[in-house]
mmCIF file of all heavy atoms, coordinates in Angstrom:
data_MODEL
# 
_entry.id   MODEL 
# 
loop_
_atom_site.group_PDB 
_atom_site.id 
_atom_site.type_symbol 
_atom_site.label_atom_id 
_atom_site.label_alt_id 
_atom_site.label_comp_id 
_atom_site.label_asym_id 
_atom_site.label_entity_id 
_atom_site.label_seq_id 
_atom_site.pdbx_PDB_ins_code 
_atom_site.Cartn_x 
_atom_site.Cartn_y 
_atom_site.Cartn_z 
_atom_site.occupancy 
_atom_site.B_iso_or_equiv 
_atom_site.pdbx_formal_charge 
_atom_site.auth_seq_id 
_atom_site.auth_comp_id 
_atom_site.auth_asym_id 
_atom_site.auth_atom_id 
_atom_site.pdbx_PDB_model_num 
ATOM 1   N N   . ASN A 1 1  ? 0.763  -1.287 0.101   1.00 0.00 ? 1  ASN A N   1 
ATOM 2   C CA  . ASN A 1 1  ? 0.049  0.006  -0.011  1.00 0.00 ? 1  ASN A CA  1 
ATOM 3   C C   . ASN A 1 1  ? 0.862  1.291  -0.002  1.00 0.00 ? 1  ASN A C   1 
ATOM 4   O O   . ASN A 1 1  ? 0.459  2.279  0.470   1.00 0.00 ? 1  ASN A O   1 
ATOM 5   C CB  . ASN A 1 1  ? -0.949 0.057  1.172   1.00 0.00 ? 1  ASN A CB  1 
ATOM 6   C CG  . ASN A 1 1  ? -2.194 -0.960 1.067   1.00 0.00 ? 1  ASN A CG  1 
ATOM 7   O OD1 . ASN A 1 1  ? -2.235 -1.605 0.082   1.00 0.00 ? 1  ASN A OD1 1 
ATOM 8   N ND2 . ASN A 1 1  ? -3.028 -1.068 2.084   1.00 0.00 ? 1  ASN A ND2 1 
ATOM 9   N N   . CYS A 1 2  ? 2.054  1.237  -0.597  1.00 0.00 ? 2  CYS A N   1 
ATOM 10  C CA  . CYS A 1 2  ? 2.933  2.404  -0.719  1.00 0.00 ? 2  CYS A CA  1 
ATOM 11  C C   . CYS A 1 2  ? 2.832  2.905  -2.140  1.00 0.00 ? 2  CYS A C   1 
ATOM 12  O O   . CYS A 1 2  ? 3.004  2.170  -3.093  1.00 0.00 ? 2  CYS A O   1 
ATOM 13  C CB  . CYS A 1 2  ? 4.274  2.134  -0.377  1.00 0.00 ? 2  CYS A CB  1 
ATOM 14  S SG  . CYS A 1 2  ? 4.442  1.572  1.321   1.00 0.00 ? 2  CYS A SG  1 
ATOM 15  N N   . TYR A 1 3  ? 2.579  4.204  -2.262  1.00 0.00 ? 3  TYR A N   1 
ATOM 16  C CA  . TYR A 1 3  ? 2.313  4.697  -3.597  1.00 0.00 ? 3  TYR A CA  1 
ATOM 17  C C   . TYR A 1 3  ? 3.194  6.011  -3.871  1.00 0.00 ? 3  TYR A C   1 
ATOM 18  O O   . TYR A 1 3  ? 3.286  6.814  -2.926  1.00 0.00 ? 3  TYR A O   1 
ATOM 19  C CB  . TYR A 1 3  ? 0.931  5.110  -3.857  1.00 0.00 ? 3  TYR A CB  1 
ATOM 20  C CG  . TYR A 1 3  ? -0.178 4.006  -3.451  1.00 0.00 ? 3  TYR A CG  1 
ATOM 21  C CD1 . TYR A 1 3  ? -0.643 3.929  -2.174  1.00 0.00 ? 3  TYR A CD1 1 
ATOM 22  C CD2 . TYR A 1 3  ? -0.374 2.999  -4.441  1.00 0.00 ? 3  TYR A CD2 1 
ATOM 23  C CE1 . TYR A 1 3  ? -1.398 2.857  -1.869  1.00 0.00 ? 3  TYR A CE1 1 
ATOM 24  C CE2 . TYR A 1 3  ? -1.216 1.920  -4.065  1.00 0.00 ? 3  TYR A CE2 1 
ATOM 25  C CZ  . TYR A 1 3  ? -1.744 1.763  -2.866  1.00 0.00 ? 3  TYR A CZ  1 
ATOM 26  O OH  . TYR A 1 3  ? -2.579 0.814  -2.550  1.00 0.00 ? 3  TYR A OH  1 
ATOM 27  N N   . ARG A 1 4  ? 3.651  6.122  -5.053  1.00 0.00 ? 4  ARG A N   1 
ATOM 28  C CA  . ARG A 1 4  ? 4.534  7.309  -5.484  1.00 0.00 ? 4  ARG A CA  1 
ATOM 29  C C   . ARG A 1 4  ? 3.558  8.509  -5.898  1.00 0.00 ? 4  ARG A C   1 
ATOM 30  O O   . ARG A 1 4  ? 2.688  8.224  -6.636  1.00 0.00 ? 4  ARG A O   1 
ATOM 31  C CB  . ARG A 1 4  ? 5.483  7.076  -6.627  1.00 0.00 ? 4  ARG A CB  1 
ATOM 32  C CG  . ARG A 1 4  ? 6.451  8.029  -6.845  1.00 0.00 ? 4  ARG A CG  1 
ATOM 33  C CD  . ARG A 1 4  ? 7.411  7.484  -7.914  1.00 0.00 ? 4  ARG A CD  1 
ATOM 34  N NE  . ARG A 1 4  ? 6.857  7.204  -9.135  1.00 0.00 ? 4  ARG A NE  1 
ATOM 35  C CZ  . ARG A 1 4  ? 6.949  8.213  -10.333 1.00 0.00 ? 4  ARG A CZ  1 
ATOM 36  N NH1 . ARG A 1 4  ? 7.457  9.353  -10.094 1.00 0.00 ? 4  ARG A NH1 1 
ATOM 37  N NH2 . ARG A 1 4  ? 6.402  7.779  -11.357 1.00 0.00 ? 4  ARG A NH2 1 
ATOM 38  N N   . MET A 1 5  ? 3.626  9.563  -5.094  1.00 0.00 ? 5  MET A N   1 
ATOM 39  C CA  . MET A 1 5  ? 2.607  10.602 -5.280  1.00 0.00 ? 5  MET A CA  1 
ATOM 40  C C   . MET A 1 5  ? 3.305  11.929 -5.408  1.00 0.00 ? 5  MET A C   1 
ATOM 41  O O   . MET A 1 5  ? 4.410  12.124 -5.017  1.00 0.00 ? 5  MET A O   1 
ATOM 42  C CB  . MET A 1 5  ? 1.599  10.564 -4.110  1.00 0.00 ? 5  MET A CB  1 
ATOM 43  C CG  . MET A 1 5  ? 1.115  9.152  -3.663  1.00 0.00 ? 5  MET A CG  1 
ATOM 44  S SD  . MET A 1 5  ? -0.224 9.163  -2.674  1.00 0.00 ? 5  MET A SD  1 
ATOM 45  C CE  . MET A 1 5  ? -1.626 9.564  -3.800  1.00 0.00 ? 5  MET A CE  1 
ATOM 46  N N   . ARG A 1 6  ? 2.428  12.835 -5.891  1.00 0.00 ? 6  ARG A N   1 
ATOM 47  C CA  . ARG A 1 6  ? 2.957  14.270 -6.076  1.00 0.00 ? 6  ARG A CA  1 
ATOM 48  C C   . ARG A 1 6  ? 2.057  15.217 -5.228  1.00 0.00 ? 6  ARG A C   1 
ATOM 49  O O   . ARG A 1 6  ? 0.778  14.977 -5.359  1.00 0.00 ? 6  ARG A O   1 
ATOM 50  C CB  . ARG A 1 6  ? 2.839  14.674 -7.511  1.00 0.00 ? 6  ARG A CB  1 
ATOM 51  C CG  . ARG A 1 6  ? 3.339  16.165 -7.895  1.00 0.00 ? 6  ARG A CG  1 
ATOM 52  C CD  . ARG A 1 6  ? 3.138  16.422 -9.301  1.00 0.00 ? 6  ARG A CD  1 
ATOM 53  N NE  . ARG A 1 6  ? 1.827  16.388 -9.758  1.00 0.00 ? 6  ARG A NE  1 
ATOM 54  C CZ  . ARG A 1 6  ? 1.368  15.415 -10.610 1.00 0.00 ? 6  ARG A CZ  1 
ATOM 55  N NH1 . ARG A 1 6  ? 2.246  14.518 -11.112 1.00 0.00 ? 6  ARG A NH1 1 
ATOM 56  N NH2 . ARG A 1 6  ? 0.165  15.359 -10.912 1.00 0.00 ? 6  ARG A NH2 1 
ATOM 57  N N   . VAL A 1 7  ? 2.643  16.147 -4.628  1.00 0.00 ? 7  VAL A N   1 
ATOM 58  C CA  . VAL A 1 7  ? 1.924  17.145 -3.904  1.00 0.00 ? 7  VAL A CA  1 
ATOM 59  C C   . VAL A 1 7  ? 1.361  18.105 -4.935  1.00 0.00 ? 7  VAL A C   1 
ATOM 60  O O   . VAL A 1 7  ? 2.046  18.910 -5.451  1.00 0.00 ? 7  VAL A O   1 
ATOM 61  C CB  . VAL A 1 7  ? 2.692  17.832 -2.737  1.00 0.00 ? 7  VAL A CB  1 
ATOM 62  C CG1 . VAL A 1 7  ? 1.819  18.862 -2.164  1.00 0.00 ? 7  VAL A CG1 1 
ATOM 63  C CG2 . VAL A 1 7  ? 3.291  16.900 -1.794  1.00 0.00 ? 7  VAL A CG2 1 
ATOM 64  N N   . ASP A 1 8  ? 0.019  18.222 -4.998  1.00 0.00 ? 8  ASP A N   1 
ATOM 65  C CA  . ASP A 1 8  ? -0.657 19.070 -6.145  1.00 0.00 ? 8  ASP A CA  1 
ATOM 66  C C   . ASP A 1 8  ? -1.099 20.312 -5.459  1.00 0.00 ? 8  ASP A C   1 
ATOM 67  O O   . ASP A 1 8  ? -1.282 21.412 -6.149  1.00 0.00 ? 8  ASP A O   1 
ATOM 68  C CB  . ASP A 1 8  ? -1.762 18.354 -6.761  1.00 0.00 ? 8  ASP A CB  1 
ATOM 69  C CG  . ASP A 1 8  ? -1.148 17.365 -7.892  1.00 0.00 ? 8  ASP A CG  1 
ATOM 70  O OD1 . ASP A 1 8  ? -0.074 17.547 -8.241  1.00 0.00 ? 8  ASP A OD1 1 
ATOM 71  O OD2 . ASP A 1 8  ? -1.825 16.383 -8.288  1.00 0.00 ? 8  ASP A OD2 1 
ATOM 72  N N   . ARG A 1 9  ? -1.548 20.282 -4.140  1.00 0.00 ? 9  ARG A N   1 
ATOM 73  C CA  . ARG A 1 9  ? -1.937 21.365 -3.424  1.00 0.00 ? 9  ARG A CA  1 
ATOM 74  C C   . ARG A 1 9  ? -1.652 21.363 -1.978  1.00 0.00 ? 9  ARG A C   1 
ATOM 75  O O   . ARG A 1 9  ? -1.384 20.205 -1.443  1.00 0.00 ? 9  ARG A O   1 
ATOM 76  C CB  . ARG A 1 9  ? -3.572 21.587 -3.602  1.00 0.00 ? 9  ARG A CB  1 
ATOM 77  C CG  . ARG A 1 9  ? -4.147 21.871 -4.910  1.00 0.00 ? 9  ARG A CG  1 
ATOM 78  C CD  . ARG A 1 9  ? -5.610 22.020 -4.861  1.00 0.00 ? 9  ARG A CD  1 
ATOM 79  N NE  . ARG A 1 9  ? -6.267 22.156 -6.176  1.00 0.00 ? 9  ARG A NE  1 
ATOM 80  C CZ  . ARG A 1 9  ? -7.484 22.245 -6.239  1.00 0.00 ? 9  ARG A CZ  1 
ATOM 81  N NH1 . ARG A 1 9  ? -8.358 22.021 -5.421  1.00 0.00 ? 9  ARG A NH1 1 
ATOM 82  N NH2 . ARG A 1 9  ? -7.936 22.346 -7.550  1.00 0.00 ? 9  ARG A NH2 1 
ATOM 83  N N   . ALA A 1 10 ? -1.482 22.490 -1.301  1.00 0.00 ? 10 ALA A N   1 
ATOM 84  C CA  . ALA A 1 10 ? -1.202 22.528 0.167   1.00 0.00 ? 10 ALA A CA  1 
ATOM 85  C C   . ALA A 1 10 ? -1.873 23.789 0.656   1.00 0.00 ? 10 ALA A C   1 
ATOM 86  O O   . ALA A 1 10 ? -1.657 24.824 0.108   1.00 0.00 ? 10 ALA A O   1 
ATOM 87  C CB  . ALA A 1 10 ? 0.313  22.474 0.338   1.00 0.00 ? 10 ALA A CB  1 
ATOM 88  N N   . SER A 1 11 ? -2.450 23.582 1.704   1.00 0.00 ? 11 SER A N   1 
ATOM 89  C CA  . SER A 1 11 ? -3.140 24.742 2.492   1.00 0.00 ? 11 SER A CA  1 
ATOM 90  C C   . SER A 1 11 ? -2.863 24.532 3.950   1.00 0.00 ? 11 SER A C   1 
ATOM 91  O O   . SER A 1 11 ? -2.893 23.406 4.565   1.00 0.00 ? 11 SER A O   1 
ATOM 92  C CB  . SER A 1 11 ? -4.646 24.824 2.255   1.00 0.00 ? 11 SER A CB  1 
ATOM 93  O OG  . SER A 1 11 ? -5.257 23.617 2.563   1.00 0.00 ? 11 SER A OG  1 
ATOM 94  N N   . ASP A 1 12 ? -2.720 25.628 4.701   1.00 0.00 ? 12 ASP A N   1 
ATOM 95  C CA  . ASP A 1 12 ? -2.409 25.597 6.121   1.00 0.00 ? 12 ASP A CA  1 
ATOM 96  C C   . ASP A 1 12 ? -3.606 26.053 7.023   1.00 0.00 ? 12 ASP A C   1 
ATOM 97  O O   . ASP A 1 12 ? -4.247 27.069 6.624   1.00 0.00 ? 12 ASP A O   1 
ATOM 98  C CB  . ASP A 1 12 ? -1.273 26.477 6.483   1.00 0.00 ? 12 ASP A CB  1 
ATOM 99  C CG  . ASP A 1 12 ? 0.020  25.905 5.808   1.00 0.00 ? 12 ASP A CG  1 
ATOM 100 O OD1 . ASP A 1 12 ? 0.163  24.590 5.766   1.00 0.00 ? 12 ASP A OD1 1 
ATOM 101 O OD2 . ASP A 1 12 ? 0.967  26.731 5.650   1.00 0.00 ? 12 ASP A OD2 1 
ATOM 102 N N   . SER A 1 13 ? -3.819 25.392 8.133   1.00 0.00 ? 13 SER A N   1 
ATOM 103 C CA  . SER A 1 13 ? -4.583 25.865 9.182   1.00 0.00 ? 13 SER A CA  1 
ATOM 104 C C   . SER A 1 13 ? -3.789 26.015 10.551  1.00 0.00 ? 13 SER A C   1 
ATOM 105 O O   . SER A 1 13 ? -2.515 26.143 10.244  1.00 0.00 ? 13 SER A O   1 
ATOM 106 C CB  . SER A 1 13 ? -5.702 24.806 9.538   1.00 0.00 ? 13 SER A CB  1 
ATOM 107 O OG  . SER A 1 13 ? -5.123 23.628 10.078  1.00 0.00 ? 13 SER A OG  1 
ATOM 108 N N   . ARG A 1 14 ? -4.295 26.447 11.639  1.00 0.00 ? 14 ARG A N   1 
ATOM 109 C CA  . ARG A 1 14 ? -3.472 26.859 12.670  1.00 0.00 ? 14 ARG A CA  1 
ATOM 110 C C   . ARG A 1 14 ? -2.518 25.535 13.053  1.00 0.00 ? 14 ARG A C   1 
ATOM 111 O O   . ARG A 1 14 ? -1.421 25.942 13.418  1.00 0.00 ? 14 ARG A O   1 
ATOM 112 C CB  . ARG A 1 14 ? -4.343 27.097 13.982  1.00 0.00 ? 14 ARG A CB  1 
ATOM 113 C CG  . ARG A 1 14 ? -5.064 28.356 13.831  1.00 0.00 ? 14 ARG A CG  1 
ATOM 114 C CD  . ARG A 1 14 ? -6.033 28.407 14.928  1.00 0.00 ? 14 ARG A CD  1 
ATOM 115 N NE  . ARG A 1 14 ? -7.046 27.488 15.064  1.00 0.00 ? 14 ARG A NE  1 
ATOM 116 C CZ  . ARG A 1 14 ? -7.870 27.178 16.063  1.00 0.00 ? 14 ARG A CZ  1 
ATOM 117 N NH1 . ARG A 1 14 ? -7.852 27.860 17.150  1.00 0.00 ? 14 ARG A NH1 1 
ATOM 118 N NH2 . ARG A 1 14 ? -8.717 26.192 15.933  1.00 0.00 ? 14 ARG A NH2 1 
ATOM 119 N N   . PHE A 1 15 ? -2.975 24.340 13.000  1.00 0.00 ? 15 PHE A N   1 
ATOM 120 C CA  . PHE A 1 15 ? -2.087 23.418 13.587  1.00 0.00 ? 15 PHE A CA  1 
ATOM 121 C C   . PHE A 1 15 ? -1.630 22.237 12.715  1.00 0.00 ? 15 PHE A C   1 
ATOM 122 O O   . PHE A 1 15 ? -1.059 21.344 12.990  1.00 0.00 ? 15 PHE A O   1 
ATOM 123 C CB  . PHE A 1 15 ? -2.853 22.846 14.820  1.00 0.00 ? 15 PHE A CB  1 
ATOM 124 C CG  . PHE A 1 15 ? -3.229 23.768 15.783  1.00 0.00 ? 15 PHE A CG  1 
ATOM 125 C CD1 . PHE A 1 15 ? -4.603 23.913 16.009  1.00 0.00 ? 15 PHE A CD1 1 
ATOM 126 C CD2 . PHE A 1 15 ? -2.275 24.383 16.533  1.00 0.00 ? 15 PHE A CD2 1 
ATOM 127 C CE1 . PHE A 1 15 ? -4.905 24.855 17.162  1.00 0.00 ? 15 PHE A CE1 1 
ATOM 128 C CE2 . PHE A 1 15 ? -2.707 25.403 17.535  1.00 0.00 ? 15 PHE A CE2 1 
ATOM 129 C CZ  . PHE A 1 15 ? -4.168 25.610 17.775  1.00 0.00 ? 15 PHE A CZ  1 
ATOM 130 N N   . GLU A 1 16 ? -2.029 22.403 11.332  1.00 0.00 ? 16 GLU A N   1 
ATOM 131 C CA  . GLU A 1 16 ? -1.688 21.306 10.403  1.00 0.00 ? 16 GLU A CA  1 
ATOM 132 C C   . GLU A 1 16 ? -1.813 21.914 9.015   1.00 0.00 ? 16 GLU A C   1 
ATOM 133 O O   . GLU A 1 16 ? -2.341 22.968 8.628   1.00 0.00 ? 16 GLU A O   1 
ATOM 134 C CB  . GLU A 1 16 ? -2.742 20.179 10.534  1.00 0.00 ? 16 GLU A CB  1 
ATOM 135 C CG  . GLU A 1 16 ? -4.165 20.532 10.111  1.00 0.00 ? 16 GLU A CG  1 
ATOM 136 C CD  . GLU A 1 16 ? -5.101 19.417 10.437  1.00 0.00 ? 16 GLU A CD  1 
ATOM 137 O OE1 . GLU A 1 16 ? -4.783 18.452 11.004  1.00 0.00 ? 16 GLU A OE1 1 
ATOM 138 O OE2 . GLU A 1 16 ? -6.342 19.447 9.954   1.00 0.00 ? 16 GLU A OE2 1 
ATOM 139 N N   . ARG A 1 17 ? -1.142 21.091 8.053   1.00 0.00 ? 17 ARG A N   1 
ATOM 140 C CA  . ARG A 1 17 ? -1.162 21.445 6.727   1.00 0.00 ? 17 ARG A CA  1 
ATOM 141 C C   . ARG A 1 17 ? -1.890 20.283 6.022   1.00 0.00 ? 17 ARG A C   1 
ATOM 142 O O   . ARG A 1 17 ? -1.716 19.092 6.181   1.00 0.00 ? 17 ARG A O   1 
ATOM 143 C CB  . ARG A 1 17 ? 0.280  21.518 6.150   1.00 0.00 ? 17 ARG A CB  1 
ATOM 144 C CG  . ARG A 1 17 ? 0.380  21.569 4.481   1.00 0.00 ? 17 ARG A CG  1 
ATOM 145 C CD  . ARG A 1 17 ? 1.663  22.039 4.054   1.00 0.00 ? 17 ARG A CD  1 
ATOM 146 N NE  . ARG A 1 17 ? 2.076  23.329 4.430   1.00 0.00 ? 17 ARG A NE  1 
ATOM 147 C CZ  . ARG A 1 17 ? 3.114  23.946 4.304   1.00 0.00 ? 17 ARG A CZ  1 
ATOM 148 N NH1 . ARG A 1 17 ? 4.063  23.378 3.535   1.00 0.00 ? 17 ARG A NH1 1 
ATOM 149 N NH2 . ARG A 1 17 ? 3.369  25.240 4.767   1.00 0.00 ? 17 ARG A NH2 1 
ATOM 150 N N   . THR A 1 18 ? -2.952 20.679 5.110   1.00 0.00 ? 18 THR A N   1 
ATOM 151 C CA  . THR A 1 18 ? -3.762 19.646 4.358   1.00 0.00 ? 18 THR A CA  1 
ATOM 152 C C   . THR A 1 18 ? -2.999 19.650 2.927   1.00 0.00 ? 18 THR A C   1 
ATOM 153 O O   . THR A 1 18 ? -2.992 20.708 2.278   1.00 0.00 ? 18 THR A O   1 
ATOM 154 C CB  . THR A 1 18 ? -5.094 20.136 4.346   1.00 0.00 ? 18 THR A CB  1 
ATOM 155 O OG1 . THR A 1 18 ? -5.641 20.162 5.579   1.00 0.00 ? 18 THR A OG1 1 
ATOM 156 C CG2 . THR A 1 18 ? -5.964 19.115 3.431   1.00 0.00 ? 18 THR A CG2 1 
ATOM 157 N N   . VAL A 1 19 ? -2.743 18.423 2.462   1.00 0.00 ? 19 VAL A N   1 
ATOM 158 C CA  . VAL A 1 19 ? -2.054 18.317 1.236   1.00 0.00 ? 19 VAL A CA  1 
ATOM 159 C C   . VAL A 1 19 ? -2.879 17.459 0.392   1.00 0.00 ? 19 VAL A C   1 
ATOM 160 O O   . VAL A 1 19 ? -3.502 16.388 0.809   1.00 0.00 ? 19 VAL A O   1 
ATOM 161 C CB  . VAL A 1 19 ? -0.722 17.564 1.516   1.00 0.00 ? 19 VAL A CB  1 
ATOM 162 C CG1 . VAL A 1 19 ? 0.012  17.241 0.114   1.00 0.00 ? 19 VAL A CG1 1 
ATOM 163 C CG2 . VAL A 1 19 ? 0.212  18.436 2.361   1.00 0.00 ? 19 VAL A CG2 1 
ATOM 164 N N   . LEU A 1 20 ? -3.036 17.855 -0.902  1.00 0.00 ? 20 LEU A N   1 
ATOM 165 C CA  . LEU A 1 20 ? -3.699 17.104 -2.023  1.00 0.00 ? 20 LEU A CA  1 
ATOM 166 C C   . LEU A 1 20 ? -2.632 16.246 -2.707  1.00 0.00 ? 20 LEU A C   1 
ATOM 167 O O   . LEU A 1 20 ? -1.701 16.856 -3.276  1.00 0.00 ? 20 LEU A O   1 
ATOM 168 C CB  . LEU A 1 20 ? -4.526 18.030 -2.907  1.00 0.00 ? 20 LEU A CB  1 
ATOM 169 C CG  . LEU A 1 20 ? -5.567 17.402 -3.827  1.00 0.00 ? 20 LEU A CG  1 
ATOM 170 C CD1 . LEU A 1 20 ? -6.674 16.800 -2.952  1.00 0.00 ? 20 LEU A CD1 1 
ATOM 171 C CD2 . LEU A 1 20 ? -6.114 18.406 -4.749  1.00 0.00 ? 20 LEU A CD2 1 
ATOM 172 N N   . LEU A 1 21 ? -2.907 14.860 -2.672  1.00 0.00 ? 21 LEU A N   1 
ATOM 173 C CA  . LEU A 1 21 ? -1.794 14.165 -3.282  1.00 0.00 ? 21 LEU A CA  1 
ATOM 174 C C   . LEU A 1 21 ? -2.406 13.308 -4.528  1.00 0.00 ? 21 LEU A C   1 
ATOM 175 O O   . LEU A 1 21 ? -3.401 12.839 -4.564  1.00 0.00 ? 21 LEU A O   1 
ATOM 176 C CB  . LEU A 1 21 ? -1.407 13.062 -2.339  1.00 0.00 ? 21 LEU A CB  1 
ATOM 177 C CG  . LEU A 1 21 ? -0.628 13.431 -0.956  1.00 0.00 ? 21 LEU A CG  1 
ATOM 178 C CD1 . LEU A 1 21 ? -0.722 12.361 -0.049  1.00 0.00 ? 21 LEU A CD1 1 
ATOM 179 C CD2 . LEU A 1 21 ? 0.721  14.018 -1.279  1.00 0.00 ? 21 LEU A CD2 1 
ATOM 180 N N   . GLY A 1 22 ? -1.587 13.409 -5.606  1.00 0.00 ? 22 GLY A N   1 
ATOM 181 C CA  . GLY A 1 22 ? -2.002 12.782 -6.929  1.00 0.00 ? 22 GLY A CA  1 
ATOM 182 C C   . GLY A 1 22 ? -1.120 11.507 -7.066  1.00 0.00 ? 22 GLY A C   1 
ATOM 183 O O   . GLY A 1 22 ? 0.087  11.433 -6.827  1.00 0.00 ? 22 GLY A O   1 
ATOM 184 N N   . PHE A 1 23 ? -1.827 10.358 -7.503  1.00 0.00 ? 23 PHE A N   1 
ATOM 185 C CA  . PHE A 1 23 ? -1.119 9.109  -7.793  1.00 0.00 ? 23 PHE A CA  1 
ATOM 186 C C   . PHE A 1 23 ? -0.281 9.245  -8.996  1.00 0.00 ? 23 PHE A C   1 
ATOM 187 O O   . PHE A 1 23 ? -0.803 9.387  -10.189 1.00 0.00 ? 23 PHE A O   1 
ATOM 188 C CB  . PHE A 1 23 ? -2.074 8.042  -7.920  1.00 0.00 ? 23 PHE A CB  1 
ATOM 189 C CG  . PHE A 1 23 ? -2.852 7.649  -6.581  1.00 0.00 ? 23 PHE A CG  1 
ATOM 190 C CD1 . PHE A 1 23 ? -3.944 8.309  -6.293  1.00 0.00 ? 23 PHE A CD1 1 
ATOM 191 C CD2 . PHE A 1 23 ? -2.317 6.640  -5.727  1.00 0.00 ? 23 PHE A CD2 1 
ATOM 192 C CE1 . PHE A 1 23 ? -4.569 7.981  -5.073  1.00 0.00 ? 23 PHE A CE1 1 
ATOM 193 C CE2 . PHE A 1 23 ? -2.995 6.335  -4.693  1.00 0.00 ? 23 PHE A CE2 1 
ATOM 194 C CZ  . PHE A 1 23 ? -4.155 7.004  -4.246  1.00 0.00 ? 23 PHE A CZ  1 
ATOM 195 N N   . LEU A 1 24 ? 1.035  9.049  -8.982  1.00 0.00 ? 24 LEU A N   1 
ATOM 196 C CA  . LEU A 1 24 ? 1.824  9.179  -10.180 1.00 0.00 ? 24 LEU A CA  1 
ATOM 197 C C   . LEU A 1 24 ? 1.783  7.971  -11.031 1.00 0.00 ? 24 LEU A C   1 
ATOM 198 O O   . LEU A 1 24 ? 2.067  8.070  -12.239 1.00 0.00 ? 24 LEU A O   1 
ATOM 199 C CB  . LEU A 1 24 ? 3.363  9.624  -9.670  1.00 0.00 ? 24 LEU A CB  1 
ATOM 200 C CG  . LEU A 1 24 ? 3.443  10.962 -9.194  1.00 0.00 ? 24 LEU A CG  1 
ATOM 201 C CD1 . LEU A 1 24 ? 4.955  11.217 -8.621  1.00 0.00 ? 24 LEU A CD1 1 
ATOM 202 C CD2 . LEU A 1 24 ? 3.116  11.934 -10.195 1.00 0.00 ? 24 LEU A CD2 1 
ATOM 203 N N   . ASP A 1 25 ? 1.519  6.762  -10.541 1.00 0.00 ? 25 ASP A N   1 
ATOM 204 C CA  . ASP A 1 25 ? 1.552  5.557  -11.252 1.00 0.00 ? 25 ASP A CA  1 
ATOM 205 C C   . ASP A 1 25 ? 0.215  4.924  -11.355 1.00 0.00 ? 25 ASP A C   1 
ATOM 206 O O   . ASP A 1 25 ? 0.137  3.657  -11.388 1.00 0.00 ? 25 ASP A O   1 
ATOM 207 C CB  . ASP A 1 25 ? 2.620  4.532  -10.618 1.00 0.00 ? 25 ASP A CB  1 
ATOM 208 C CG  . ASP A 1 25 ? 3.969  5.321  -10.517 1.00 0.00 ? 25 ASP A CG  1 
ATOM 209 O OD1 . ASP A 1 25 ? 4.529  5.653  -11.537 1.00 0.00 ? 25 ASP A OD1 1 
ATOM 210 O OD2 . ASP A 1 25 ? 4.530  5.153  -9.356  1.00 0.00 ? 25 ASP A OD2 1 
ATOM 211 N N   . ARG A 1 26 ? -0.764 5.743  -11.360 1.00 0.00 ? 26 ARG A N   1 
ATOM 212 C CA  . ARG A 1 26 ? -2.157 5.253  -11.324 1.00 0.00 ? 26 ARG A CA  1 
ATOM 213 C C   . ARG A 1 26 ? -2.553 4.448  -12.627 1.00 0.00 ? 26 ARG A C   1 
ATOM 214 O O   . ARG A 1 26 ? -2.018 4.791  -13.766 1.00 0.00 ? 26 ARG A O   1 
ATOM 215 C CB  . ARG A 1 26 ? -3.267 6.262  -11.063 1.00 0.00 ? 26 ARG A CB  1 
ATOM 216 C CG  . ARG A 1 26 ? -3.332 7.282  -12.106 1.00 0.00 ? 26 ARG A CG  1 
ATOM 217 C CD  . ARG A 1 26 ? -4.398 8.370  -11.694 1.00 0.00 ? 26 ARG A CD  1 
ATOM 218 N NE  . ARG A 1 26 ? -5.641 7.818  -11.447 1.00 0.00 ? 26 ARG A NE  1 
ATOM 219 C CZ  . ARG A 1 26 ? -6.625 7.517  -12.392 1.00 0.00 ? 26 ARG A CZ  1 
ATOM 220 N NH1 . ARG A 1 26 ? -6.323 7.850  -13.595 1.00 0.00 ? 26 ARG A NH1 1 
ATOM 221 N NH2 . ARG A 1 26 ? -7.782 7.147  -11.977 1.00 0.00 ? 26 ARG A NH2 1 
ATOM 222 N N   . ASP A 1 27 ? -3.246 3.405  -12.631 1.00 0.00 ? 27 ASP A N   1 
ATOM 223 C CA  . ASP A 1 27 ? -3.782 2.679  -13.758 1.00 0.00 ? 27 ASP A CA  1 
ATOM 224 C C   . ASP A 1 27 ? -4.974 3.463  -14.405 1.00 0.00 ? 27 ASP A C   1 
ATOM 225 O O   . ASP A 1 27 ? -5.909 3.614  -13.811 1.00 0.00 ? 27 ASP A O   1 
ATOM 226 C CB  . ASP A 1 27 ? -4.175 1.274  -13.283 1.00 0.00 ? 27 ASP A CB  1 
ATOM 227 C CG  . ASP A 1 27 ? -4.524 0.403  -14.605 1.00 0.00 ? 27 ASP A CG  1 
ATOM 228 O OD1 . ASP A 1 27 ? -4.878 0.850  -15.510 1.00 0.00 ? 27 ASP A OD1 1 
ATOM 229 O OD2 . ASP A 1 27 ? -4.335 -0.822 -14.349 1.00 0.00 ? 27 ASP A OD2 1 
ATOM 230 N N   . GLU A 1 28 ? -4.790 3.883  -15.645 1.00 0.00 ? 28 GLU A N   1 
ATOM 231 C CA  . GLU A 1 28 ? -5.721 4.680  -16.300 1.00 0.00 ? 28 GLU A CA  1 
ATOM 232 C C   . GLU A 1 28 ? -6.729 3.908  -17.256 1.00 0.00 ? 28 GLU A C   1 
ATOM 233 O O   . GLU A 1 28 ? -7.489 4.554  -17.809 1.00 0.00 ? 28 GLU A O   1 
ATOM 234 C CB  . GLU A 1 28 ? -5.175 5.745  -17.063 1.00 0.00 ? 28 GLU A CB  1 
ATOM 235 C CG  . GLU A 1 28 ? -4.247 6.739  -16.306 1.00 0.00 ? 28 GLU A CG  1 
ATOM 236 C CD  . GLU A 1 28 ? -3.774 7.870  -17.111 1.00 0.00 ? 28 GLU A CD  1 
ATOM 237 O OE1 . GLU A 1 28 ? -4.675 8.701  -17.638 1.00 0.00 ? 28 GLU A OE1 1 
ATOM 238 O OE2 . GLU A 1 28 ? -2.420 8.129  -17.165 1.00 0.00 ? 28 GLU A OE2 1 
ATOM 239 N N   . ARG A 1 29 ? -6.639 2.722  -17.233 1.00 0.00 ? 29 ARG A N   1 
ATOM 240 C CA  . ARG A 1 29 ? -7.536 1.864  -18.174 1.00 0.00 ? 29 ARG A CA  1 
ATOM 241 C C   . ARG A 1 29 ? -9.048 2.072  -17.989 1.00 0.00 ? 29 ARG A C   1 
ATOM 242 O O   . ARG A 1 29 ? -9.649 2.081  -18.924 1.00 0.00 ? 29 ARG A O   1 
ATOM 243 C CB  . ARG A 1 29 ? -7.131 0.349  -18.067 1.00 0.00 ? 29 ARG A CB  1 
ATOM 244 C CG  . ARG A 1 29 ? -5.740 0.059  -18.756 1.00 0.00 ? 29 ARG A CG  1 
ATOM 245 C CD  . ARG A 1 29 ? -5.352 -1.417 -18.554 1.00 0.00 ? 29 ARG A CD  1 
ATOM 246 N NE  . ARG A 1 29 ? -5.189 -1.788 -17.146 1.00 0.00 ? 29 ARG A NE  1 
ATOM 247 C CZ  . ARG A 1 29 ? -4.723 -2.937 -16.691 1.00 0.00 ? 29 ARG A CZ  1 
ATOM 248 N NH1 . ARG A 1 29 ? -4.677 -3.903 -17.489 1.00 0.00 ? 29 ARG A NH1 1 
ATOM 249 N NH2 . ARG A 1 29 ? -4.525 -3.169 -15.406 1.00 0.00 ? 29 ARG A NH2 1 
# 
């Protein structure tokens, strides 16, 4: 369950950063 991913977005709140991750090796069929 380990996936190579890219950070496509990042936004901050007071205590954490929310990151949007895209799958780089996803199966597109």
